[in-house]
Amino acid sequence: MSDPQTKFDMSPLPAGFVSDVLQICIVTRDYRRVITGFLKLGIGPWRVYTLGPDTVSNMTYRGQASPHVMKICLAASGSMGWEMCNQLLSQRSTTNSWKSTVREFTTSRSGALT
């Protein structure tokens, strides 16, 4: 539902405004499964990194401390860069109590690539 007060300029953008897509980021709940699918499509190899309080200082979510743990996966296919984000469960419990934008997205109505 749009705000009746908001008006958008729908005139065409100048040619070349977006010349090439350079990177696509995918948010997923299961990075291993998605990587397997991309490898079947010929996209890979993938570099997988674990980011968390041991490797990144001062992790925040909306201005509050939030020491979450996530996998960041990177691959290239020609000039296209691929990035994948997967937040891991909290080490303190079986539910993910740590907040992040990745968790917010995967639990939203729009969901994530699973």
Protein backbone atom coordinates (compact mmCIF):
# COMPACT_ATOMS: atom_id res chain seq x y z
CA MET A 1 0.00 0.00 0.00
CA SER A 2 1.50 3.32 -0.98
CA ASP A 3 1.26 6.60 0.82
CA PRO A 4 -1.16 8.87 -1.10
CA GLN A 5 1.09 11.84 -0.28
CA THR A 6 4.14 10.26 -1.97
CA LYS A 7 4.73 11.06 -5.62
CA PHE A 8 7.36 9.27 -7.68
CA ASP A 9 9.06 10.55 -10.79
CA MET A 10 8.56 7.70 -13.27
CA SER A 11 10.44 9.32 -16.14
CA PRO A 12 13.07 7.08 -17.76
CA LEU A 13 16.57 7.16 -16.34
CA PRO A 14 19.40 8.24 -18.61
CA ALA A 15 21.01 5.48 -20.67
CA GLY A 16 23.89 3.93 -18.80
CA PHE A 17 22.54 4.83 -15.34
CA VAL A 18 23.14 1.21 -14.31
CA SER A 19 25.63 -0.21 -16.77
CA ASP A 20 26.49 -3.61 -15.34
CA VAL A 21 25.43 -5.64 -12.34
CA LEU A 22 28.62 -6.20 -10.37
CA GLN A 23 27.46 -8.15 -7.33
CA ILE A 24 24.42 -10.02 -6.09
CA CYS A 25 23.91 -10.79 -2.41
CA ILE A 26 21.72 -13.69 -1.32
CA VAL A 27 20.41 -14.13 2.20
CA THR A 28 19.76 -17.74 3.12
CA ARG A 29 18.99 -19.99 6.05
CA ASP A 30 21.15 -22.84 4.64
CA TYR A 31 24.32 -21.69 2.88
CA ARG A 32 25.55 -25.25 2.20
CA ARG A 33 22.41 -26.17 0.29
CA VAL A 34 22.45 -22.97 -1.77
CA ILE A 35 26.16 -23.32 -2.57
CA THR A 36 25.51 -26.89 -3.77
CA GLY A 37 22.86 -25.56 -6.15
CA PHE A 38 25.09 -22.80 -7.46
CA LEU A 39 27.97 -25.23 -8.02
CA LYS A 40 25.63 -27.31 -10.20
CA LEU A 41 25.05 -24.12 -12.24
CA GLY A 42 28.81 -23.64 -12.62
CA ILE A 43 29.07 -20.76 -10.14
CA GLY A 44 32.00 -21.27 -7.79
CA PRO A 45 34.31 -22.07 -6.15
CA TRP A 46 33.07 -20.44 -2.96
CA ARG A 47 35.15 -18.94 -0.15
CA VAL A 48 33.35 -19.30 3.18
CA TYR A 49 34.15 -17.08 6.16
CA THR A 50 32.77 -17.11 9.70
CA LEU A 51 32.24 -13.64 11.14
CA GLY A 52 31.44 -13.19 14.81
CA PRO A 53 32.68 -11.68 18.08
CA ASP A 54 35.99 -13.55 17.72
CA THR A 55 36.75 -11.97 14.32
CA VAL A 56 34.78 -8.69 14.27
CA SER A 57 34.77 -6.10 17.04
CA ASN A 58 31.80 -3.97 18.06
CA MET A 59 29.06 -5.84 16.18
CA THR A 60 25.83 -3.88 16.44
CA TYR A 61 22.22 -4.05 15.35
CA ARG A 62 20.33 -0.76 15.19
CA GLY A 63 22.87 0.89 17.48
CA GLN A 64 22.85 -1.83 20.17
CA ALA A 65 25.54 -4.43 20.84
CA SER A 66 24.64 -7.70 19.11
CA PRO A 67 27.52 -10.19 18.92
CA HIS A 68 25.95 -12.49 16.31
CA VAL A 69 27.72 -15.14 14.22
CA MET A 70 27.24 -15.43 10.46
CA LYS A 71 28.69 -17.16 7.44
CA ILE A 72 29.70 -14.93 4.53
CA CYS A 73 30.30 -16.83 1.29
CA LEU A 74 31.91 -15.27 -1.79
CA ALA A 75 32.28 -16.46 -5.38
CA ALA A 76 32.89 -14.98 -8.82
CA SER A 77 31.47 -15.91 -12.18
CA GLY A 78 33.04 -13.84 -14.94
CA SER A 79 32.68 -10.20 -13.90
CA MET A 80 29.79 -11.03 -11.53
CA GLY A 81 30.50 -11.20 -7.81
CA TRP A 82 28.26 -13.37 -5.63
CA GLU A 83 27.84 -12.96 -1.88
CA MET A 84 25.79 -15.11 0.47
CA CYS A 85 24.86 -14.35 4.10
CA ASN A 86 23.66 -16.94 6.61
CA GLN A 87 23.23 -16.09 10.29
CA LEU A 88 24.06 -19.00 12.57
CA LEU A 89 22.27 -20.01 15.74
CA SER A 90 23.39 -18.48 18.99
CA GLN A 91 25.98 -20.61 20.76
CA ARG A 92 24.06 -19.96 23.98
CA SER A 93 20.80 -21.61 22.96
CA THR A 94 19.01 -23.56 20.26
CA THR A 95 17.13 -20.44 19.20
CA ASN A 96 18.73 -17.47 17.57
CA SER A 97 18.51 -14.72 20.16
CA TRP A 98 21.18 -12.52 18.55
CA LYS A 99 19.79 -9.78 16.37
CA SER A 100 21.10 -8.67 12.99
CA THR A 101 19.79 -7.37 9.69
CA VAL A 102 20.29 -10.88 8.24
CA ARG A 103 18.06 -12.39 10.95
CA GLU A 104 15.53 -9.61 10.47
CA PHE A 105 15.34 -10.38 6.74
CA THR A 106 15.12 -14.16 7.11
CA THR A 107 12.27 -13.87 9.62
CA SER A 108 10.38 -11.20 7.66
CA ARG A 109 7.43 -11.86 5.41
CA SER A 110 9.70 -11.68 2.37
CA GLY A 111 11.85 -14.48 3.79
CA ALA A 112 15.04 -15.65 2.20
CA LEU A 113 16.40 -18.09 -0.33
CA THR A 114 16.42 -21.38 1.55
